[in-house]
C-alpha atoms as a PDB file:
ATOM      1  CA  UNK A   1       0.000   0.000   0.000  1.00  0.00           C
ATOM      2  CA  UNK A   2       2.121   2.832  -1.291  1.00  0.00           C
ATOM      3  CA  UNK A   3       2.168   5.461  -3.977  1.00  0.00           C
ATOM      4  CA  UNK A   4       4.327   5.318  -7.074  1.00  0.00           C
ATOM      5  CA  UNK A   5       5.411   7.387 -10.041  1.00  0.00           C
ATOM      6  CA  UNK A   6       5.611   6.255 -13.657  1.00  0.00           C
ATOM      7  CA  UNK A   7       7.024   8.903 -15.936  1.00  0.00           C
ATOM      8  CA  UNK A   8       9.916   9.501 -18.327  1.00  0.00           C
ATOM      9  CA  UNK A   9      13.682   9.838 -18.403  1.00  0.00           C
ATOM     10  CA  UNK A  10      15.109  13.201 -19.417  1.00  0.00           C
ATOM     11  CA  UNK A  11      17.925  12.517 -21.895  1.00  0.00           C
ATOM     12  CA  UNK A  12      19.209  16.088 -21.989  1.00  0.00           C
ATOM     13  CA  UNK A  13      20.560  18.193 -19.086  1.00  0.00           C
ATOM     14  CA  UNK A  14      17.987  20.948 -19.554  1.00  0.00           C
ATOM     15  CA  UNK A  15      14.523  21.748 -18.311  1.00  0.00           C
ATOM     16  CA  UNK A  16      11.971  21.771 -19.822  1.00  0.00           C
ATOM     17  CA  UNK A  17      13.189  18.524 -21.409  1.00  0.00           C
ATOM     18  CA  UNK A  18      13.627  18.461 -25.181  1.00  0.00           C
ATOM     19  CA  UNK A  19      14.493  14.766 -25.504  1.00  0.00           C
ATOM     20  CA  UNK A  20      12.810  12.203 -23.280  1.00  0.00           C
ATOM     21  CA  UNK A  21      12.532   8.432 -23.033  1.00  0.00           C
ATOM     22  CA  UNK A  22       8.967   7.485 -22.096  1.00  0.00           C
ATOM     23  CA  UNK A  23       8.018   4.506 -19.972  1.00  0.00           C
ATOM     24  CA  UNK A  24       6.397   1.841 -22.145  1.00  0.00           C
ATOM     25  CA  UNK A  25       4.020  -1.074 -21.458  1.00  0.00           C
ATOM     26  CA  UNK A  26       3.189  -3.505 -24.274  1.00  0.00           C
ATOM     27  CA  UNK A  27       1.357  -6.847 -24.545  1.00  0.00           C
ATOM     28  CA  UNK A  28       0.460  -7.203 -20.865  1.00  0.00           C
ATOM     29  CA  UNK A  29      -2.773  -8.333 -19.253  1.00  0.00           C
ATOM     30  CA  UNK A  30      -2.304  -5.265 -17.030  1.00  0.00           C
ATOM     31  CA  UNK A  31       0.263  -2.606 -17.843  1.00  0.00           C
ATOM     32  CA  UNK A  32      -0.155  -1.041 -14.392  1.00  0.00           C
ATOM     33  CA  UNK A  33      -2.251  -2.662 -11.639  1.00  0.00           C
ATOM     34  CA  UNK A  34      -3.021  -0.805  -8.393  1.00  0.00           C
ATOM     35  CA  UNK A  35      -5.510  -1.679  -5.646  1.00  0.00           C
ATOM     36  CA  UNK A  36      -6.496   0.181  -2.471  1.00  0.00           C
ATOM     37  CA  UNK A  37      -3.702   2.761  -2.518  1.00  0.00           C
ATOM     38  CA  UNK A  38      -4.091   5.253   0.366  1.00  0.00           C
ATOM     39  CA  UNK A  39      -4.303   9.019  -0.108  1.00  0.00           C
ATOM     40  CA  UNK A  40      -0.700   9.392   1.047  1.00  0.00           C
ATOM     41  CA  UNK A  41       1.623   8.423  -1.771  1.00  0.00           C
ATOM     42  CA  UNK A  42      -0.973   8.423  -4.537  1.00  0.00           C
ATOM     43  CA  UNK A  43      -0.161   7.023  -8.009  1.00  0.00           C
ATOM     44  CA  UNK A  44       1.153   9.436 -10.614  1.00  0.00           C
ATOM     45  CA  UNK A  45       1.381   8.266 -14.241  1.00  0.00           C
ATOM     46  CA  UNK A  46       2.595  10.752 -16.832  1.00  0.00           C
ATOM     47  CA  UNK A  47       4.094  10.775 -20.349  1.00  0.00           C
ATOM     48  CA  UNK A  48       4.036   7.009 -20.749  1.00  0.00           C
ATOM     49  CA  UNK A  49       3.025   4.739 -23.639  1.00  0.00           C
ATOM     50  CA  UNK A  50       0.615   1.792 -23.401  1.00  0.00           C
ATOM     51  CA  UNK A  51       0.163  -0.509 -26.400  1.00  0.00           C
ATOM     52  CA  UNK A  52      -1.823  -3.701 -26.964  1.00  0.00           C
ATOM     53  CA  UNK A  53      -2.583  -4.394 -23.313  1.00  0.00           C
ATOM     54  CA  UNK A  54      -5.805  -6.025 -22.169  1.00  0.00           C
ATOM     55  CA  UNK A  55      -5.993  -3.170 -19.665  1.00  0.00           C
ATOM     56  CA  UNK A  56      -3.359  -0.478 -19.874  1.00  0.00           C
ATOM     57  CA  UNK A  57      -4.039   0.861 -16.377  1.00  0.00           C
ATOM     58  CA  UNK A  58      -6.278  -0.912 -13.849  1.00  0.00           C
ATOM     59  CA  UNK A  59      -7.099   0.687 -10.507  1.00  0.00           C
ATOM     60  CA  UNK A  60      -9.597  -0.374  -7.834  1.00  0.00           C
ATOM     61  CA  UNK A  61     -10.466   1.677  -4.737  1.00  0.00           C
ATOM     62  CA  UNK A  62      -7.604   4.073  -5.457  1.00  0.00           C
ATOM     63  CA  UNK A  63      -8.149   7.701  -4.461  1.00  0.00           C
ATOM     64  CA  UNK A  64      -6.544  10.719  -6.155  1.00  0.00           C
ATOM     65  CA  UNK A  65      -4.506   9.032  -8.877  1.00  0.00           C
ATOM     66  CA  UNK A  66      -3.092  11.364 -11.533  1.00  0.00           C
ATOM     67  CA  UNK A  67      -3.105  10.024 -15.114  1.00  0.00           C
ATOM     68  CA  UNK A  68      -2.001  12.729 -17.568  1.00  0.00           C
ATOM     69  CA  UNK A  69      -0.274  13.134 -20.952  1.00  0.00           C
ATOM     70  CA  UNK A  70      -0.152   9.399 -21.701  1.00  0.00           C
ATOM     71  CA  UNK A  71      -0.622   7.611 -25.022  1.00  0.00           C
ATOM     72  CA  UNK A  72      -2.840   4.519 -25.212  1.00  0.00           C
ATOM     73  CA  UNK A  73      -2.719   2.496 -28.426  1.00  0.00           C
ATOM     74  CA  UNK A  74      -5.505   0.214 -27.283  1.00  0.00           C
ATOM     75  CA  UNK A  75      -5.127  -2.105 -30.273  1.00  0.00           C
ATOM     76  CA  UNK A  76      -2.550  -1.812 -33.043  1.00  0.00           C
ATOM     77  CA  UNK A  77      -3.063  -2.939 -36.632  1.00  0.00           C
ATOM     78  CA  UNK A  78      -0.761  -5.952 -36.362  1.00  0.00           C
ATOM     79  CA  UNK A  79      -1.247  -6.813 -32.713  1.00  0.00           C
ATOM     80  CA  UNK A  80      -0.220 -10.274 -31.526  1.00  0.00           C
ATOM     81  CA  UNK A  81      -2.642 -10.106 -28.603  1.00  0.00           C
ATOM     82  CA  UNK A  82      -5.856 -12.146 -28.770  1.00  0.00           C
ATOM     83  CA  UNK A  83      -8.000 -10.128 -26.338  1.00  0.00           C
ATOM     84  CA  UNK A  84     -11.677  -9.884 -27.282  1.00  0.00           C
ATOM     85  CA  UNK A  85     -11.881  -6.680 -25.215  1.00  0.00           C
ATOM     86  CA  UNK A  86      -9.085  -4.168 -24.686  1.00  0.00           C
ATOM     87  CA  UNK A  87      -9.298  -1.080 -22.447  1.00  0.00           C
ATOM     88  CA  UNK A  88      -6.936   1.849 -21.973  1.00  0.00           C
ATOM     89  CA  UNK A  89      -7.834   2.899 -18.404  1.00  0.00           C
ATOM     90  CA  UNK A  90     -10.150   0.944 -16.093  1.00  0.00           C
ATOM     91  CA  UNK A  91     -11.189   2.518 -12.758  1.00  0.00           C
ATOM     92  CA  UNK A  92     -13.140   0.102 -10.570  1.00  0.00           C
ATOM     93  CA  UNK A  93     -15.112   0.452  -7.314  1.00  0.00           C
ATOM     94  CA  UNK A  94     -15.242   3.421  -4.933  1.00  0.00           C
ATOM     95  CA  UNK A  95     -12.607   5.869  -6.194  1.00  0.00           C
ATOM     96  CA  UNK A  96     -12.508   9.600  -5.519  1.00  0.00           C
ATOM     97  CA  UNK A  97     -10.565  12.474  -6.993  1.00  0.00           C
ATOM     98  CA  UNK A  98      -9.061  10.794 -10.026  1.00  0.00           C
ATOM     99  CA  UNK A  99      -7.418  13.082 -12.569  1.00  0.00           C
ATOM    100  CA  UNK A 100      -7.568  11.714 -16.118  1.00  0.00           C
ATOM    101  CA  UNK A 101      -6.583  14.535 -18.445  1.00  0.00           C
ATOM    102  CA  UNK A 102      -4.886  15.179 -21.779  1.00  0.00           C
ATOM    103  CA  UNK A 103      -4.344  11.532 -22.629  1.00  0.00           C
ATOM    104  CA  UNK A 104      -4.692  10.086 -26.130  1.00  0.00           C
ATOM    105  CA  UNK A 105      -6.683   6.883 -26.654  1.00  0.00           C
ATOM    106  CA  UNK A 106      -6.818   5.280 -30.086  1.00  0.00           C
ATOM    107  CA  UNK A 107      -6.650   2.100 -32.132  1.00  0.00           C
ATOM    108  CA  UNK A 108      -5.378   1.325 -35.620  1.00  0.00           C
ATOM    109  CA  UNK A 109      -8.597  -0.572 -36.382  1.00  0.00           C
ATOM    110  CA  UNK A 110     -11.501   0.595 -38.513  1.00  0.00           C
ATOM    111  CA  UNK A 111     -15.226  -0.016 -38.996  1.00  0.00           C
ATOM    112  CA  UNK A 112     -16.364  -3.584 -38.493  1.00  0.00           C
ATOM    113  CA  UNK A 113     -13.041  -4.497 -36.857  1.00  0.00           C
ATOM    114  CA  UNK A 114     -14.120  -2.401 -33.871  1.00  0.00           C
ATOM    115  CA  UNK A 115     -17.265  -4.520 -33.595  1.00  0.00           C
ATOM    116  CA  UNK A 116     -15.324  -7.781 -33.636  1.00  0.00           C
ATOM    117  CA  UNK A 117     -12.754  -6.587 -31.096  1.00  0.00           C
ATOM    118  CA  UNK A 118     -14.204  -4.327 -28.398  1.00  0.00           C
ATOM    119  CA  UNK A 119     -11.817  -1.436 -27.757  1.00  0.00           C
ATOM    120  CA  UNK A 120     -12.663   1.061 -25.002  1.00  0.00           C
ATOM    121  CA  UNK A 121     -10.708   4.163 -24.057  1.00  0.00           C
ATOM    122  CA  UNK A 122     -11.787   4.642 -20.430  1.00  0.00           C
ATOM    123  CA  UNK A 123     -14.113   2.427 -18.390  1.00  0.00           C
ATOM    124  CA  UNK A 124     -15.413   3.660 -15.025  1.00  0.00           C
ATOM    125  CA  UNK A 125     -17.239   0.982 -13.056  1.00  0.00           C
ATOM    126  CA  UNK A 126     -19.106   1.714  -9.802  1.00  0.00           C
ATOM    127  CA  UNK A 127     -16.683   4.483  -8.784  1.00  0.00           C
ATOM    128  CA  UNK A 128     -19.239   6.030  -6.411  1.00  0.00           C
ATOM    129  CA  UNK A 129     -21.109   9.271  -5.939  1.00  0.00           C
ATOM    130  CA  UNK A 130     -18.134  11.632  -6.103  1.00  0.00           C
ATOM    131  CA  UNK A 131     -17.817  14.781  -8.217  1.00  0.00           C
ATOM    132  CA  UNK A 132     -15.177  13.262 -10.505  1.00  0.00           C
ATOM    133  CA  UNK A 133     -14.363  14.304 -14.057  1.00  0.00           C
ATOM    134  CA  UNK A 134     -12.924  12.815 -17.201  1.00  0.00           C
ATOM    135  CA  UNK A 135     -11.488  15.949 -18.738  1.00  0.00           C
ATOM    136  CA  UNK A 136      -9.764  17.087 -21.920  1.00  0.00           C
ATOM    137  CA  UNK A 137      -8.769  13.743 -23.439  1.00  0.00           C
ATOM    138  CA  UNK A 138      -8.752  12.638 -27.077  1.00  0.00           C
ATOM    139  CA  UNK A 139     -10.410   9.441 -28.366  1.00  0.00           C
ATOM    140  CA  UNK A 140      -9.862   8.129 -31.911  1.00  0.00           C
ATOM    141  CA  UNK A 141     -11.158   5.012 -33.688  1.00  0.00           C
ATOM    142  CA  UNK A 142     -12.551   3.147 -30.689  1.00  0.00           C
ATOM    143  CA  UNK A 143     -15.586   0.958 -30.178  1.00  0.00           C
ATOM    144  CA  UNK A 144     -16.481   3.186 -27.218  1.00  0.00           C
ATOM    145  CA  UNK A 145     -14.614   6.257 -25.997  1.00  0.00           C
ATOM    146  CA  UNK A 146     -15.885   6.458 -22.388  1.00  0.00           C
ATOM    147  CA  UNK A 147     -17.932   3.768 -20.623  1.00  0.00           C
ATOM    148  CA  UNK A 148     -19.595   4.630 -17.296  1.00  0.00           C
ATOM    149  CA  UNK A 149     -21.120   1.508 -15.768  1.00  0.00           C
ATOM    150  CA  UNK A 150     -23.148   1.110 -12.594  1.00  0.00           C
ATOM    151  CA  UNK A 151     -23.026   3.631  -9.748  1.00  0.00           C
ATOM    152  CA  UNK A 152     -21.180   6.840 -10.609  1.00  0.00           C
ATOM    153  CA  UNK A 153     -23.423   9.415  -8.860  1.00  0.00           C
ATOM    154  CA  UNK A 154     -25.142  10.038  -5.534  1.00  0.00           C
ATOM    155  CA  UNK A 155     -28.838  10.296  -4.687  1.00  0.00           C
ATOM    156  CA  UNK A 156     -28.820  14.080  -5.268  1.00  0.00           C
ATOM    157  CA  UNK A 157     -27.478  13.700  -8.805  1.00  0.00           C
ATOM    158  CA  UNK A 158     -23.869  14.730  -8.103  1.00  0.00           C
ATOM    159  CA  UNK A 159     -21.296  12.493  -9.720  1.00  0.00           C
ATOM    160  CA  UNK A 160     -19.099  11.816 -12.714  1.00  0.00           C
ATOM    161  CA  UNK A 161     -18.938  14.488 -15.433  1.00  0.00           C
ATOM    162  CA  UNK A 162     -17.459  13.811 -18.883  1.00  0.00           C
ATOM    163  CA  UNK A 163     -16.236  17.195 -20.055  1.00  0.00           C
ATOM    164  CA  UNK A 164     -14.109  18.846 -22.761  1.00  0.00           C
ATOM    165  CA  UNK A 165     -13.105  15.601 -24.468  1.00  0.00           C
ATOM    166  CA  UNK A 166     -12.646  15.197 -28.227  1.00  0.00           C
ATOM    167  CA  UNK A 167     -14.048  12.133 -29.999  1.00  0.00           C
ATOM    168  CA  UNK A 168     -13.139  11.167 -33.563  1.00  0.00           C
ATOM    169  CA  UNK A 169     -14.514   8.196 -35.503  1.00  0.00           C
ATOM    170  CA  UNK A 170     -15.638   6.208 -32.457  1.00  0.00           C
ATOM    171  CA  UNK A 171     -18.637   3.922 -32.909  1.00  0.00           C
ATOM    172  CA  UNK A 172     -19.996   5.161 -29.578  1.00  0.00           C
ATOM    173  CA  UNK A 173     -18.500   8.191 -27.879  1.00  0.00           C
ATOM    174  CA  UNK A 174     -20.028   8.054 -24.375  1.00  0.00           C
ATOM    175  CA  UNK A 175     -21.978   5.068 -23.074  1.00  0.00           C
ATOM    176  CA  UNK A 176     -23.750   5.125 -19.701  1.00  0.00           C
ATOM    177  CA  UNK A 177     -25.022   1.713 -18.699  1.00  0.00           C
ATOM    178  CA  UNK A 178     -26.381   0.133 -15.474  1.00  0.00           C
ATOM    179  CA  UNK A 179     -24.620  -2.733 -13.753  1.00  0.00           C
ATOM    180  CA  UNK A 180     -26.367  -6.104 -13.711  1.00  0.00           C
ATOM    181  CA  UNK A 181     -27.242  -8.489 -10.915  1.00  0.00           C
ATOM    182  CA  UNK A 182     -26.362 -12.195 -10.806  1.00  0.00           C
ATOM    183  CA  UNK A 183     -29.360 -12.982 -12.993  1.00  0.00           C
ATOM    184  CA  UNK A 184     -28.345 -10.473 -15.658  1.00  0.00           C
ATOM    185  CA  UNK A 185     -31.038  -7.926 -14.786  1.00  0.00           C
ATOM    186  CA  UNK A 186     -30.192  -4.186 -14.684  1.00  0.00           C
ATOM    187  CA  UNK A 187     -29.603  -2.799 -11.181  1.00  0.00           C
ATOM    188  CA  UNK A 188     -31.802   0.247 -10.645  1.00  0.00           C
ATOM    189  CA  UNK A 189     -31.747   3.094  -8.147  1.00  0.00           C
ATOM    190  CA  UNK A 190     -30.988   6.820  -7.754  1.00  0.00           C
ATOM    191  CA  UNK A 191     -27.203   6.313  -7.638  1.00  0.00           C
ATOM    192  CA  UNK A 192     -26.971   4.492 -10.971  1.00  0.00           C
ATOM    193  CA  UNK A 193     -25.577   6.479 -13.898  1.00  0.00           C
ATOM    194  CA  UNK A 194     -23.496   9.660 -14.019  1.00  0.00           C
ATOM    195  CA  UNK A 195     -24.059  13.233 -12.813  1.00  0.00           C
ATOM    196  CA  UNK A 196     -27.430  14.643 -13.799  1.00  0.00           C
ATOM    197  CA  UNK A 197     -25.837  17.895 -14.990  1.00  0.00           C
ATOM    198  CA  UNK A 198     -23.209  17.368 -17.637  1.00  0.00           C
ATOM    199  CA  UNK A 199     -21.901  20.915 -17.741  1.00  0.00           C
ATOM    200  CA  UNK A 200     -23.584  23.993 -16.284  1.00  0.00           C
ATOM    201  CA  UNK A 201     -25.110  27.090 -17.951  1.00  0.00           C
ATOM    202  CA  UNK A 202     -23.035  30.277 -17.659  1.00  0.00           C
ATOM    203  CA  UNK A 203     -26.168  32.230 -16.587  1.00  0.00           C
ATOM    204  CA  UNK A 204     -24.730  35.593 -17.573  1.00  0.00           C
ATOM    205  CA  UNK A 205     -21.460  35.075 -15.704  1.00  0.00           C
ATOM    206  CA  UNK A 206     -19.365  35.281 -18.873  1.00  0.00           C
ATOM    207  CA  UNK A 207     -17.588  32.078 -17.896  1.00  0.00           C
ATOM    208  CA  UNK A 208     -16.915  29.946 -20.999  1.00  0.00           C
ATOM    209  CA  UNK A 209     -15.661  26.951 -19.006  1.00  0.00           C
ATOM    210  CA  UNK A 210     -18.969  25.827 -17.482  1.00  0.00           C
ATOM    211  CA  UNK A 211     -20.575  24.091 -20.468  1.00  0.00           C
ATOM    212  CA  UNK A 212     -19.635  20.495 -21.206  1.00  0.00           C
ATOM    213  CA  UNK A 213     -17.514  21.344 -24.245  1.00  0.00           C
ATOM    214  CA  UNK A 214     -17.120  17.838 -25.706  1.00  0.00           C
ATOM    215  CA  UNK A 215     -16.703  17.428 -29.462  1.00  0.00           C
ATOM    216  CA  UNK A 216     -18.245  14.290 -30.918  1.00  0.00           C
ATOM    217  CA  UNK A 217     -17.637  11.810 -33.715  1.00  0.00           C
ATOM    218  CA  UNK A 218     -19.463  12.783 -36.872  1.00  0.00           C
ATOM    219  CA  UNK A 219     -22.607  10.901 -37.734  1.00  0.00           C
ATOM    220  CA  UNK A 220     -21.929   8.067 -40.154  1.00  0.00           C
ATOM    221  CA  UNK A 221     -24.876   5.827 -40.932  1.00  0.00           C
ATOM    222  CA  UNK A 222     -22.628   3.206 -42.484  1.00  0.00           C
ATOM    223  CA  UNK A 223     -20.801   2.748 -39.177  1.00  0.00           C
ATOM    224  CA  UNK A 224     -23.870   3.369 -37.026  1.00  0.00           C
ATOM    225  CA  UNK A 225     -22.088   6.038 -34.988  1.00  0.00           C
ATOM    226  CA  UNK A 226     -23.810   6.912 -31.698  1.00  0.00           C
ATOM    227  CA  UNK A 227     -22.551   9.936 -29.790  1.00  0.00           C
ATOM    228  CA  UNK A 228     -24.254   9.565 -26.414  1.00  0.00           C
ATOM    229  CA  UNK A 229     -26.041   6.595 -24.859  1.00  0.00           C
ATOM    230  CA  UNK A 230     -27.826   6.809 -21.519  1.00  0.00           C
ATOM    231  CA  UNK A 231     -29.273   3.388 -20.807  1.00  0.00           C
ATOM    232  CA  UNK A 232     -30.142   4.401 -17.246  1.00  0.00           C
ATOM    233  CA  UNK A 233     -33.688   5.252 -18.243  1.00  0.00           C
ATOM    234  CA  UNK A 234     -34.771   6.327 -14.762  1.00  0.00           C
ATOM    235  CA  UNK A 235     -31.961   8.879 -14.192  1.00  0.00           C
ATOM    236  CA  UNK A 236     -31.949  11.675 -16.755  1.00  0.00           C
ATOM    237  CA  UNK A 237     -28.958  13.609 -18.072  1.00  0.00           C
ATOM    238  CA  UNK A 238     -29.045  17.339 -18.860  1.00  0.00           C
ATOM    239  CA  UNK A 239     -26.241  18.099 -21.297  1.00  0.00           C
ATOM    240  CA  UNK A 240     -25.253  21.798 -21.478  1.00  0.00           C
ATOM    241  CA  UNK A 241     -23.298  22.792 -24.583  1.00  0.00           C
ATOM    242  CA  UNK A 242     -21.998  26.125 -25.919  1.00  0.00           C
ATOM    243  CA  UNK A 243     -24.409  27.840 -28.292  1.00  0.00           C
ATOM    244  CA  UNK A 244     -22.103  27.527 -31.293  1.00  0.00           C
ATOM    245  CA  UNK A 245     -21.312  23.871 -30.556  1.00  0.00           C
ATOM    246  CA  UNK A 246     -23.663  21.193 -31.716  1.00  0.00           C
ATOM    247  CA  UNK A 247     -25.110  18.876 -29.095  1.00  0.00           C
ATOM    248  CA  UNK A 248     -24.499  15.180 -29.737  1.00  0.00           C
ATOM    249  CA  UNK A 249     -25.360  14.601 -33.388  1.00  0.00           C
ATOM    250  CA  UNK A 250     -26.967  11.260 -32.673  1.00  0.00           C
ATOM    251  CA  UNK A 251     -28.135   9.589 -29.493  1.00  0.00           C
ATOM    252  CA  UNK A 252     -29.387   6.053 -29.017  1.00  0.00           C
ATOM    253  CA  UNK A 253     -32.974   5.785 -30.371  1.00  0.00           C
ATOM    254  CA  UNK A 254     -35.987   5.464 -28.079  1.00  0.00           C
ATOM    255  CA  UNK A 255     -36.492   4.575 -25.328  1.00  0.00           C
ATOM    256  CA  UNK A 256     -33.097   5.994 -24.380  1.00  0.00           C
ATOM    257  CA  UNK A 257     -33.283   9.340 -26.174  1.00  0.00           C
ATOM    258  CA  UNK A 258     -35.976  10.600 -23.789  1.00  0.00           C
ATOM    259  CA  UNK A 259     -33.450  10.388 -20.949  1.00  0.00           C
ATOM    260  CA  UNK A 260     -30.980  12.797 -22.521  1.00  0.00           C
ATOM    261  CA  UNK A 261     -31.807  16.508 -22.701  1.00  0.00           C
ATOM    262  CA  UNK A 262     -29.449  18.859 -24.579  1.00  0.00           C
ATOM    263  CA  UNK A 263     -29.438  22.445 -23.268  1.00  0.00           C
ATOM    264  CA  UNK A 264     -27.905  25.282 -25.283  1.00  0.00           C
ATOM    265  CA  UNK A 265     -25.912  27.736 -23.192  1.00  0.00           C
ATOM    266  CA  UNK A 266     -25.756  31.425 -24.115  1.00  0.00           C
ATOM    267  CA  UNK A 267     -21.952  31.392 -24.207  1.00  0.00           C
ATOM    268  CA  UNK A 268     -20.028  30.534 -27.350  1.00  0.00           C
ATOM    269  CA  UNK A 269     -17.076  28.168 -27.617  1.00  0.00           C
ATOM    270  CA  UNK A 270     -14.183  30.541 -28.377  1.00  0.00           C
ATOM    271  CA  UNK A 271     -11.265  28.137 -28.338  1.00  0.00           C
ATOM    272  CA  UNK A 272      -9.995  25.020 -26.623  1.00  0.00           C
ATOM    273  CA  UNK A 273      -7.708  27.158 -24.464  1.00  0.00           C
ATOM    274  CA  UNK A 274     -10.436  29.485 -23.222  1.00  0.00           C
ATOM    275  CA  UNK A 275     -13.379  27.098 -22.969  1.00  0.00           C
ATOM    276  CA  UNK A 276     -11.518  23.943 -21.925  1.00  0.00           C
ATOM    277  CA  UNK A 277      -8.251  25.049 -20.267  1.00  0.00           C
ATOM    278  CA  UNK A 278      -5.806  22.481 -18.972  1.00  0.00           C
ATOM    279  CA  UNK A 279      -6.012  22.253 -15.202  1.00  0.00           C
ATOM    280  CA  UNK A 280      -5.196  18.645 -14.212  1.00  0.00           C
ATOM    281  CA  UNK A 281      -7.531  19.191 -11.286  1.00  0.00           C
ATOM    282  CA  UNK A 282     -10.711  17.583 -12.539  1.00  0.00           C
ATOM    283  CA  UNK A 283     -12.283  20.877 -13.577  1.00  0.00           C
ATOM    284  CA  UNK A 284     -11.613  23.029 -10.554  1.00  0.00           C
ATOM    285  CA  UNK A 285     -11.834  20.741  -7.523  1.00  0.00           C
ATOM    286  CA  UNK A 286      -9.448  22.381  -5.079  1.00  0.00           C
ATOM    287  CA  UNK A 287      -8.059  19.181  -3.634  1.00  0.00           C
ATOM    288  CA  UNK A 288      -7.349  17.884  -7.098  1.00  0.00           C
ATOM    289  CA  UNK A 289      -5.708  21.163  -8.095  1.00  0.00           C
ATOM    290  CA  UNK A 290      -3.375  20.718  -5.148  1.00  0.00           C
ATOM    291  CA  UNK A 291      -2.590  17.218  -6.380  1.00  0.00           C
ATOM    292  CA  UNK A 292      -1.840  18.602  -9.843  1.00  0.00           C
ATOM    293  CA  UNK A 293       0.538  21.234  -8.473  1.00  0.00           C
ATOM    294  CA  UNK A 294       2.384  18.591  -6.509  1.00  0.00           C
ATOM    295  CA  UNK A 295       2.596  16.327  -9.536  1.00  0.00           C
ATOM    296  CA  UNK A 296       3.932  19.058 -11.828  1.00  0.00           C
ATOM    297  CA  UNK A 297       6.561  20.056  -9.305  1.00  0.00           C
ATOM    298  CA  UNK A 298       7.521  16.401  -8.897  1.00  0.00           C
ATOM    299  CA  UNK A 299       8.232  16.160 -12.631  1.00  0.00           C
ATOM    300  CA  UNK A 300      10.367  19.302 -12.450  1.00  0.00           C
ATOM    301  CA  UNK A 301      12.264  17.962  -9.441  1.00  0.00           C
ATOM    302  CA  UNK A 302      12.972  14.686 -11.231  1.00  0.00           C
ATOM    303  CA  UNK A 303      14.256  16.552 -14.286  1.00  0.00           C
ATOM    304  CA  UNK A 304      16.581  18.732 -12.204  1.00  0.00           C
ATOM    305  CA  UNK A 305      17.808  15.650 -10.350  1.00  0.00           C
ATOM    306  CA  UNK A 306      18.788  14.074 -13.670  1.00  0.00           C
ATOM    307  CA  UNK A 307      20.692  17.216 -14.609  1.00  0.00           C
ATOM    308  CA  UNK A 308      22.420  17.370 -11.226  1.00  0.00           C
ATOM    309  CA  UNK A 309      23.481  13.725 -11.440  1.00  0.00           C
ATOM    310  CA  UNK A 310      25.145  14.320 -14.789  1.00  0.00           C
ATOM    311  CA  UNK A 311      26.943  17.484 -13.664  1.00  0.00           C
ATOM    312  CA  UNK A 312      28.280  16.396 -10.266  1.00  0.00           C
ATOM    313  CA  UNK A 313      31.618  14.600 -10.636  1.00  0.00           C
ATOM    314  CA  UNK A 314      30.910  13.930 -14.278  1.00  0.00           C
ATOM    315  CA  UNK A 315      28.095  11.606 -13.287  1.00  0.00           C
ATOM    316  CA  UNK A 316      30.488   9.150 -11.620  1.00  0.00           C
ATOM    317  CA  UNK A 317      31.120  10.136  -8.026  1.00  0.00           C
ATOM    318  CA  UNK A 318      32.561   6.754  -6.980  1.00  0.00           C
ATOM    319  CA  UNK A 319      35.224   6.673  -9.690  1.00  0.00           C
ATOM    320  CA  UNK A 320      36.126  10.325  -9.131  1.00  0.00           C
END
């Protein structure tokens, strides 16, 4: 039960680094596996590459992990793996304060291949009723970009928000689905699903960062692209988007479409930088912002340590 850091090696004695060697995980059942890590010494995974793993990162009951600036090739074109389902990041069970930001999730598969081999970017399963966010990531050529299964909200409707992500050529961008009992029946209740409010209206505040700000895969009838699925038919979603951004182009047909309400905010989407700024803190949660500051400073400290090691005694103190 301890924290850990997975990052990169700075190959040049300068900061910011201009030449780095990233950590890499390929052809594993689990690239990184972490369970029940306490708040002290939380996991920090940055600037690493995950390719052809059944699950690139798996975490269960882990609070405040930081997963930023990583690359997930969920399934390559000539993969030797035989997984029927491959997932970039899987967060399981009660988990609070996770930061998943500015990662890239993609495959080298196309069309029907993504139906034969299920490839998911991020799966969040029963993570609890916390105000978590999946923020500012990119998803390309996946079966599903983000899967939220089971309980990911509380009885008041507070919970997981999927915000400011970019989806390209995914068969389904966001899929919200209930968990099932031992007999295969959907588990119902007020805590099933994700946060009722996906984004908030600016209400005259002039704040462009409140709306959801996701961009979705374009509708393609040949591929059957679905942008948003809410199969939790008893817990509605209100999706607030900027007034010059289209709401999801296509949602799952009835009966599910009645449980998704797009709301057009008065504020326009000016740019990615102004409407969806990088913050690493889950969209403004103070505790998470503190985690982000610590993580960024840790990267800087590691880089300076590399430089110091090379400069002191020519990098070989014992021989000197």
